[in-house]
Amino acid sequence: MMQWHGVDLRWAYSDLLPNIYRQTLCKQNALDILHDALVRFALAKNPDRTQRPHAFLQVIVRNVLIDEHNHQRRLVPLITDESEEDNLSFADQRFTPSAEHLADIQQRLKAMQHMIDNLPPRCREAFWLFRIEGLDQSEIALQLGITRNMVQRHVMRAMVELLEAEDLIR
């Protein structure tokens, strides 16, 4: 069993991912939502994370799906007959990742977690509030008791460090 922070990655990709796909009807969006949820799961400090990791991850996925739906609701979709056919054929496929694919994902997630953990505490907190919680810079500044300019510096530093390490996780 391929475990990462208590989550069985085989379960996440063979059971949870198809459920996400059924709600998004887009392979890339489903993968993005699962990956966002895994990062949020790894960074969460909730005790349910370790006691019931699969249930906690499902709650995170549900919340990310709601956020994605609210975001997509503001957009006008452009659907062609060809893209509908692609979605239908993709819906018939089973998500069965190989052991190598799961190991690769596990290594990438560990590398990303390590990079985030090694950010300075204030930088990590500002990055979390901005990228994961979705707060704007003014709200983060108020919450952390720092200036907006400092929030922007913290977020940019985190983004630059993650982008520089991008080669390691590709």
Protein backbone atom coordinates (compact mmCIF):
# COMPACT_ATOMS: atom_id res chain seq x y z
CA MET A 1 0.00 0.00 0.00
CA MET A 2 1.39 3.41 -1.00
CA GLN A 3 0.86 5.68 2.02
CA TRP A 4 1.44 9.41 2.16
CA HIS A 5 0.59 11.22 5.41
CA GLY A 6 -1.76 8.34 6.25
CA VAL A 7 -3.60 8.45 2.90
CA ASP A 8 -3.56 5.42 0.63
CA LEU A 9 -2.59 6.97 -2.71
CA ARG A 10 -3.95 3.97 -4.63
CA TRP A 11 -7.37 4.67 -3.05
CA ALA A 12 -7.08 8.38 -3.81
CA TYR A 13 -6.35 7.79 -7.50
CA SER A 14 -8.56 4.77 -8.16
CA ASP A 15 -11.64 5.66 -6.07
CA LEU A 16 -11.59 9.33 -5.14
CA LEU A 17 -10.36 10.69 -8.47
CA PRO A 18 -13.19 9.12 -10.54
CA ASN A 19 -15.71 10.62 -8.11
CA ILE A 20 -14.13 14.03 -8.59
CA TYR A 21 -14.15 13.53 -12.36
CA ARG A 22 -17.87 12.71 -12.35
CA GLN A 23 -18.49 16.11 -10.82
CA THR A 24 -16.08 18.11 -13.00
CA LEU A 25 -16.22 16.18 -16.31
CA CYS A 26 -12.67 17.35 -16.96
CA LYS A 27 -9.62 15.15 -16.41
CA GLN A 28 -7.25 18.03 -15.72
CA ASN A 29 -9.64 19.76 -13.30
CA ALA A 30 -10.19 16.48 -11.45
CA LEU A 31 -6.44 15.96 -11.11
CA ASP A 32 -5.90 19.59 -10.04
CA ILE A 33 -8.63 19.30 -7.40
CA LEU A 34 -7.19 16.07 -6.03
CA HIS A 35 -3.68 17.52 -5.91
CA ASP A 36 -4.89 20.73 -4.24
CA ALA A 37 -6.77 18.62 -1.70
CA LEU A 38 -3.67 16.50 -1.00
CA VAL A 39 -1.58 19.62 -0.39
CA ARG A 40 -4.25 21.09 1.90
CA PHE A 41 -4.45 17.74 3.69
CA ALA A 42 -0.68 17.66 4.26
CA LEU A 43 -0.66 21.21 5.62
CA ALA A 44 -3.74 20.84 7.83
CA LYS A 45 -3.30 20.78 11.58
CA ASN A 46 -6.71 19.23 12.32
CA PRO A 47 -6.59 16.09 14.54
CA ASP A 48 -9.08 14.34 12.19
CA ARG A 49 -6.27 14.30 9.64
CA THR A 50 -4.45 11.53 11.51
CA GLN A 51 -7.44 9.78 13.05
CA ARG A 52 -9.56 9.44 9.88
CA PRO A 53 -7.37 10.52 6.96
CA HIS A 54 -9.63 9.31 4.14
CA ALA A 55 -12.74 10.94 5.57
CA PHE A 56 -10.82 14.16 6.21
CA LEU A 57 -9.45 14.14 2.65
CA GLN A 58 -12.98 13.63 1.28
CA VAL A 59 -14.16 16.70 3.21
CA ILE A 60 -11.29 18.72 1.79
CA VAL A 61 -12.12 17.50 -1.74
CA ARG A 62 -15.75 18.50 -1.24
CA ASN A 63 -14.69 21.99 -0.13
CA VAL A 64 -12.29 22.36 -3.06
CA LEU A 65 -15.06 21.23 -5.44
CA ILE A 66 -17.38 23.86 -3.97
CA ASP A 67 -14.69 26.53 -4.38
CA GLU A 68 -14.07 25.39 -7.97
CA HIS A 69 -17.80 25.41 -8.73
CA ASN A 70 -18.15 28.94 -7.35
CA HIS A 71 -15.18 30.03 -9.45
CA GLN A 72 -16.45 28.31 -12.63
CA ARG A 73 -19.93 29.74 -12.15
CA ARG A 74 -18.49 33.15 -13.00
CA LEU A 75 -17.09 31.90 -16.31
CA VAL A 76 -18.86 31.24 -19.60
CA PRO A 77 -18.03 27.71 -20.84
CA LEU A 78 -16.94 27.12 -24.41
CA ILE A 79 -17.99 23.59 -25.35
CA THR A 80 -17.61 22.11 -28.79
CA ASP A 81 -18.90 18.79 -30.05
CA GLU A 82 -15.34 17.48 -30.16
CA SER A 83 -14.62 18.31 -26.49
CA GLU A 84 -17.89 16.62 -25.43
CA GLU A 85 -16.82 13.44 -27.23
CA ASP A 86 -13.44 13.54 -25.47
CA ASN A 87 -15.17 13.87 -22.10
CA LEU A 88 -17.50 10.96 -22.80
CA SER A 89 -14.67 8.65 -23.83
CA PHE A 90 -12.65 9.70 -20.79
CA ALA A 91 -15.60 8.96 -18.50
CA ASP A 92 -15.48 5.32 -19.57
CA GLN A 93 -11.82 4.95 -18.57
CA ARG A 94 -10.87 3.61 -15.15
CA PHE A 95 -8.31 5.48 -13.13
CA THR A 96 -5.73 2.83 -12.36
CA PRO A 97 -2.39 4.47 -11.82
CA SER A 98 0.71 2.32 -11.96
CA ALA A 99 2.88 1.77 -8.92
CA GLU A 100 5.58 3.88 -10.59
CA HIS A 101 3.13 6.74 -11.13
CA LEU A 102 2.02 6.59 -7.49
CA ALA A 103 5.64 6.48 -6.28
CA ASP A 104 6.45 9.49 -8.49
CA ILE A 105 3.50 11.44 -7.09
CA GLN A 106 4.47 10.47 -3.56
CA GLN A 107 8.02 11.74 -4.11
CA ARG A 108 6.75 15.01 -5.60
CA LEU A 109 4.35 15.58 -2.71
CA LYS A 110 7.11 14.90 -0.19
CA ALA A 111 9.42 17.34 -1.99
CA MET A 112 6.70 20.01 -2.07
CA GLN A 113 5.91 19.44 1.61
CA HIS A 114 9.61 19.70 2.47
CA MET A 115 9.93 22.98 0.56
CA ILE A 116 6.89 24.48 2.26
CA ASP A 117 8.04 23.26 5.69
CA ASN A 118 11.43 24.93 5.19
CA LEU A 119 9.96 28.36 4.50
CA PRO A 120 10.36 30.84 7.37
CA PRO A 121 7.31 30.65 9.69
CA ARG A 122 5.82 34.05 8.74
CA CYS A 123 6.43 33.40 5.05
CA ARG A 124 4.82 29.95 5.31
CA GLU A 125 1.82 31.37 7.18
CA ALA A 126 1.27 34.19 4.69
CA PHE A 127 1.63 31.75 1.78
CA TRP A 128 -0.88 29.35 3.39
CA LEU A 129 -3.43 32.09 4.00
CA PHE A 130 -3.06 33.45 0.47
CA ARG A 131 -2.83 30.27 -1.66
CA ILE A 132 -4.76 27.74 0.44
CA GLU A 133 -7.25 29.77 2.47
CA GLY A 134 -7.80 32.28 -0.34
CA LEU A 135 -7.54 35.41 1.78
CA ASP A 136 -6.53 38.62 0.06
CA GLN A 137 -3.42 40.53 1.09
CA SER A 138 -5.31 43.08 3.18
CA GLU A 139 -7.01 40.36 5.22
CA ILE A 140 -3.70 38.57 5.76
CA ALA A 141 -2.04 41.82 6.83
CA LEU A 142 -4.75 42.41 9.42
CA GLN A 143 -4.63 38.83 10.68
CA LEU A 144 -0.83 38.73 10.98
CA GLY A 145 -0.43 42.33 12.13
CA ILE A 146 1.94 43.26 9.30
CA THR A 147 1.74 45.59 6.30
CA ARG A 148 0.27 44.57 2.94
CA ASN A 149 3.68 45.17 1.42
CA MET A 150 5.22 42.64 3.84
CA VAL A 151 2.48 40.11 3.01
CA GLN A 152 3.26 40.57 -0.66
CA ARG A 153 6.98 40.00 0.02
CA HIS A 154 6.29 36.82 2.02
CA VAL A 155 4.00 35.38 -0.66
CA MET A 156 6.40 36.29 -3.46
CA ARG A 157 9.33 34.74 -1.59
CA ALA A 158 7.42 31.50 -1.13
CA MET A 159 6.35 31.47 -4.77
CA VAL A 160 9.90 32.15 -6.00
CA GLU A 161 11.35 29.39 -3.82
CA LEU A 162 8.72 26.93 -5.02
CA LEU A 163 9.26 27.92 -8.66
CA GLU A 164 13.02 27.53 -8.29
CA ALA A 165 12.50 24.04 -6.93
CA GLU A 166 10.02 23.18 -9.67
CA ASP A 167 12.62 21.09 -11.50
CA LEU A 168 12.88 18.82 -8.46
CA ILE A 169 9.19 17.98 -8.45
CA ARG A 170 8.60 17.56 -12.18
